[in-house]
C-alpha atoms as a PDB file:
ATOM      1  CA  UNK A   1      -0.144   0.174   0.031  1.00  0.00           C
ATOM      2  CA  UNK A   2       1.240   3.659  -0.927  1.00  0.00           C
ATOM      3  CA  UNK A   3       0.314   6.536   1.180  1.00  0.00           C
ATOM      4  CA  UNK A   4       0.701  10.290   0.316  1.00  0.00           C
ATOM      5  CA  UNK A   5      -0.622  13.260   2.402  1.00  0.00           C
ATOM      6  CA  UNK A   6      -1.541  16.847   1.078  1.00  0.00           C
ATOM      7  CA  UNK A   7      -1.861  19.771   3.660  1.00  0.00           C
ATOM      8  CA  UNK A   8      -2.089  22.582   1.116  1.00  0.00           C
ATOM      9  CA  UNK A   9      -3.881  25.574   2.245  1.00  0.00           C
ATOM     10  CA  UNK A  10      -5.729  28.244   0.094  1.00  0.00           C
ATOM     11  CA  UNK A  11      -6.518  31.283   2.001  1.00  0.00           C
ATOM     12  CA  UNK A  12      -6.364  29.300   5.398  1.00  0.00           C
ATOM     13  CA  UNK A  13      -8.728  26.533   4.054  1.00  0.00           C
ATOM     14  CA  UNK A  14      -7.523  22.929   2.957  1.00  0.00           C
ATOM     15  CA  UNK A  15      -7.488  22.944  -0.892  1.00  0.00           C
ATOM     16  CA  UNK A  16     -10.833  21.709  -2.321  1.00  0.00           C
ATOM     17  CA  UNK A  17     -11.645  18.712  -4.270  1.00  0.00           C
ATOM     18  CA  UNK A  18     -12.348  21.071  -7.184  1.00  0.00           C
ATOM     19  CA  UNK A  19      -8.452  22.220  -6.988  1.00  0.00           C
ATOM     20  CA  UNK A  20      -7.327  18.549  -5.979  1.00  0.00           C
ATOM     21  CA  UNK A  21      -8.570  16.762  -8.767  1.00  0.00           C
ATOM     22  CA  UNK A  22      -5.722  18.526 -10.839  1.00  0.00           C
ATOM     23  CA  UNK A  23      -3.204  16.811  -8.665  1.00  0.00           C
ATOM     24  CA  UNK A  24      -4.547  13.215  -8.614  1.00  0.00           C
ATOM     25  CA  UNK A  25      -3.945  10.574 -11.813  1.00  0.00           C
ATOM     26  CA  UNK A  26      -7.694  10.287 -12.567  1.00  0.00           C
ATOM     27  CA  UNK A  27      -7.218   9.444 -16.566  1.00  0.00           C
ATOM     28  CA  UNK A  28      -8.492   5.931 -15.814  1.00  0.00           C
ATOM     29  CA  UNK A  29     -11.169   6.607 -13.227  1.00  0.00           C
ATOM     30  CA  UNK A  30     -14.798   5.796 -14.737  1.00  0.00           C
ATOM     31  CA  UNK A  31     -16.581   6.160 -11.560  1.00  0.00           C
ATOM     32  CA  UNK A  32     -16.297   7.505  -8.238  1.00  0.00           C
ATOM     33  CA  UNK A  33     -17.507   6.528  -4.877  1.00  0.00           C
ATOM     34  CA  UNK A  34     -18.201   8.468  -1.564  1.00  0.00           C
ATOM     35  CA  UNK A  35     -18.526   6.788   1.428  1.00  0.00           C
ATOM     36  CA  UNK A  36     -19.108   8.131   4.877  1.00  0.00           C
ATOM     37  CA  UNK A  37     -18.882  11.734   3.366  1.00  0.00           C
ATOM     38  CA  UNK A  38     -19.854  14.995   5.076  1.00  0.00           C
ATOM     39  CA  UNK A  39     -19.714  17.838   2.678  1.00  0.00           C
ATOM     40  CA  UNK A  40     -21.903  21.304   2.383  1.00  0.00           C
ATOM     41  CA  UNK A  41     -23.634  21.183  -0.777  1.00  0.00           C
ATOM     42  CA  UNK A  42     -27.056  21.573  -2.252  1.00  0.00           C
ATOM     43  CA  UNK A  43     -28.670  18.651  -3.603  1.00  0.00           C
ATOM     44  CA  UNK A  44     -25.304  16.460  -4.618  1.00  0.00           C
ATOM     45  CA  UNK A  45     -26.027  14.655  -7.556  1.00  0.00           C
ATOM     46  CA  UNK A  46     -29.860  15.375  -7.439  1.00  0.00           C
ATOM     47  CA  UNK A  47     -30.129  14.002  -3.902  1.00  0.00           C
ATOM     48  CA  UNK A  48     -31.311  15.914  -0.973  1.00  0.00           C
ATOM     49  CA  UNK A  49     -27.924  16.407   1.446  1.00  0.00           C
ATOM     50  CA  UNK A  50     -29.300  14.551   4.247  1.00  0.00           C
ATOM     51  CA  UNK A  51     -30.241  11.767   1.649  1.00  0.00           C
ATOM     52  CA  UNK A  52     -26.741  11.709  -0.025  1.00  0.00           C
ATOM     53  CA  UNK A  53     -24.933  11.698   3.474  1.00  0.00           C
ATOM     54  CA  UNK A  54     -26.742   8.983   4.885  1.00  0.00           C
ATOM     55  CA  UNK A  55     -26.725   6.872   1.905  1.00  0.00           C
ATOM     56  CA  UNK A  56     -23.020   7.533   1.806  1.00  0.00           C
ATOM     57  CA  UNK A  57     -22.550   6.309   5.266  1.00  0.00           C
ATOM     58  CA  UNK A  58     -25.058   3.413   5.247  1.00  0.00           C
ATOM     59  CA  UNK A  59     -24.969   1.876   2.301  1.00  0.00           C
ATOM     60  CA  UNK A  60     -21.924  -1.002   1.645  1.00  0.00           C
ATOM     61  CA  UNK A  61     -21.593   0.669  -1.859  1.00  0.00           C
ATOM     62  CA  UNK A  62     -21.405   4.109  -0.863  1.00  0.00           C
ATOM     63  CA  UNK A  63     -23.003   6.435  -3.446  1.00  0.00           C
ATOM     64  CA  UNK A  64     -21.421   5.582  -6.729  1.00  0.00           C
ATOM     65  CA  UNK A  65     -21.675   8.224  -9.413  1.00  0.00           C
ATOM     66  CA  UNK A  66     -20.329   8.239 -12.929  1.00  0.00           C
ATOM     67  CA  UNK A  67     -17.338  10.076 -14.308  1.00  0.00           C
ATOM     68  CA  UNK A  68     -19.380  12.809 -16.193  1.00  0.00           C
ATOM     69  CA  UNK A  69     -21.485  13.434 -12.950  1.00  0.00           C
ATOM     70  CA  UNK A  70     -18.350  13.891 -10.870  1.00  0.00           C
ATOM     71  CA  UNK A  71     -17.011  16.307 -13.069  1.00  0.00           C
ATOM     72  CA  UNK A  72     -20.466  18.291 -13.258  1.00  0.00           C
ATOM     73  CA  UNK A  73     -20.387  18.064  -9.460  1.00  0.00           C
ATOM     74  CA  UNK A  74     -17.094  19.833  -9.288  1.00  0.00           C
ATOM     75  CA  UNK A  75     -18.530  23.094 -10.829  1.00  0.00           C
ATOM     76  CA  UNK A  76     -21.055  23.452  -8.053  1.00  0.00           C
ATOM     77  CA  UNK A  77     -20.737  24.957  -4.923  1.00  0.00           C
ATOM     78  CA  UNK A  78     -19.647  22.819  -2.332  1.00  0.00           C
ATOM     79  CA  UNK A  79     -16.792  21.607   0.420  1.00  0.00           C
ATOM     80  CA  UNK A  80     -15.901  18.244   1.568  1.00  0.00           C
ATOM     81  CA  UNK A  81     -15.459  18.523   5.546  1.00  0.00           C
ATOM     82  CA  UNK A  82     -14.724  14.669   5.742  1.00  0.00           C
ATOM     83  CA  UNK A  83     -15.028  11.199   4.250  1.00  0.00           C
ATOM     84  CA  UNK A  84     -13.940   9.117   1.517  1.00  0.00           C
ATOM     85  CA  UNK A  85     -13.720   9.387  -2.157  1.00  0.00           C
ATOM     86  CA  UNK A  86     -12.624   6.569  -4.195  1.00  0.00           C
ATOM     87  CA  UNK A  87     -11.568   6.701  -7.829  1.00  0.00           C
ATOM     88  CA  UNK A  88     -12.976   3.462  -9.412  1.00  0.00           C
ATOM     89  CA  UNK A  89     -12.378   1.631 -13.019  1.00  0.00           C
ATOM     90  CA  UNK A  90     -13.895  -1.024 -15.282  1.00  0.00           C
ATOM     91  CA  UNK A  91     -17.500  -1.349 -16.580  1.00  0.00           C
ATOM     92  CA  UNK A  92     -19.189  -2.008 -13.141  1.00  0.00           C
ATOM     93  CA  UNK A  93     -16.770   0.321 -11.281  1.00  0.00           C
ATOM     94  CA  UNK A  94     -15.403  -2.902  -9.651  1.00  0.00           C
ATOM     95  CA  UNK A  95     -11.693  -1.898  -9.248  1.00  0.00           C
ATOM     96  CA  UNK A  96     -10.646   0.787  -6.788  1.00  0.00           C
ATOM     97  CA  UNK A  97      -7.563   2.761  -8.333  1.00  0.00           C
ATOM     98  CA  UNK A  98      -7.058   5.082  -5.249  1.00  0.00           C
ATOM     99  CA  UNK A  99      -8.595   6.099  -2.242  1.00  0.00           C
ATOM    100  CA  UNK A 100      -8.729   9.737  -0.717  1.00  0.00           C
ATOM    101  CA  UNK A 101      -9.657  10.709   2.806  1.00  0.00           C
ATOM    102  CA  UNK A 102     -10.543  14.111   3.994  1.00  0.00           C
ATOM    103  CA  UNK A 103      -9.853  14.741   7.840  1.00  0.00           C
ATOM    104  CA  UNK A 104     -11.677  17.577   9.458  1.00  0.00           C
ATOM    105  CA  UNK A 105     -10.820  20.281   6.202  1.00  0.00           C
ATOM    106  CA  UNK A 106      -7.343  19.825   7.254  1.00  0.00           C
ATOM    107  CA  UNK A 107      -5.581  16.814   5.404  1.00  0.00           C
ATOM    108  CA  UNK A 108      -6.034  15.131   2.376  1.00  0.00           C
ATOM    109  CA  UNK A 109      -4.585  11.552   2.215  1.00  0.00           C
ATOM    110  CA  UNK A 110      -4.370   9.288  -0.724  1.00  0.00           C
ATOM    111  CA  UNK A 111      -4.012   5.628  -0.636  1.00  0.00           C
ATOM    112  CA  UNK A 112      -3.348   2.942  -3.669  1.00  0.00           C
ATOM    113  CA  UNK A 113      -1.900  -0.299  -4.278  1.00  0.00           C
ATOM    114  CA  UNK A 114      -0.735   0.328  -7.759  1.00  0.00           C
ATOM    115  CA  UNK A 115       2.591   1.551  -8.125  1.00  0.00           C
ATOM    116  CA  UNK A 116       2.269   3.139 -11.225  1.00  0.00           C
ATOM    117  CA  UNK A 117      -0.564   5.332  -9.473  1.00  0.00           C
ATOM    118  CA  UNK A 118       1.801   6.107  -6.691  1.00  0.00           C
ATOM    119  CA  UNK A 119       4.301   7.233  -8.870  1.00  0.00           C
ATOM    120  CA  UNK A 120       1.701   9.711 -10.550  1.00  0.00           C
ATOM    121  CA  UNK A 121       0.841  10.738  -7.089  1.00  0.00           C
ATOM    122  CA  UNK A 122       4.390  11.891  -6.677  1.00  0.00           C
ATOM    123  CA  UNK A 123       5.050  13.349  -9.913  1.00  0.00           C
ATOM    124  CA  UNK A 124       1.663  15.551  -9.079  1.00  0.00           C
ATOM    125  CA  UNK A 125       3.524  17.108  -5.457  1.00  0.00           C
ATOM    126  CA  UNK A 126       1.888  14.318  -2.990  1.00  0.00           C
ATOM    127  CA  UNK A 127       4.417  13.507  -0.167  1.00  0.00           C
ATOM    128  CA  UNK A 128       4.794   9.940   0.381  1.00  0.00           C
ATOM    129  CA  UNK A 129       3.924   8.863   4.058  1.00  0.00           C
END
């Protein structure tokens, strides 16, 4: 397992997911999974915020969205406070390429089991743990 940390702040606030995606190797991602997520947003992915947060926490699958839906979401007004976001690939989103954990809006941690993806994280400025 390869682990990385990013604590970059922008104006005293942890770099947002919408900026973070520029620094992760997501070319092979076909779907995104949200687990145990706490965010500020209005109707993420067309769901009431409370329903989204409950489903991301209570469902074993979390909330899985297409790559297109994810990129459209990045254009909305939101902030990730805590939780897990996974980059998935495969026709049925069966392969987890990497996992992003947000801790109390103060740190992002990325983990992957793929050495090639780990090298891409390093190229993007992530610090290996």
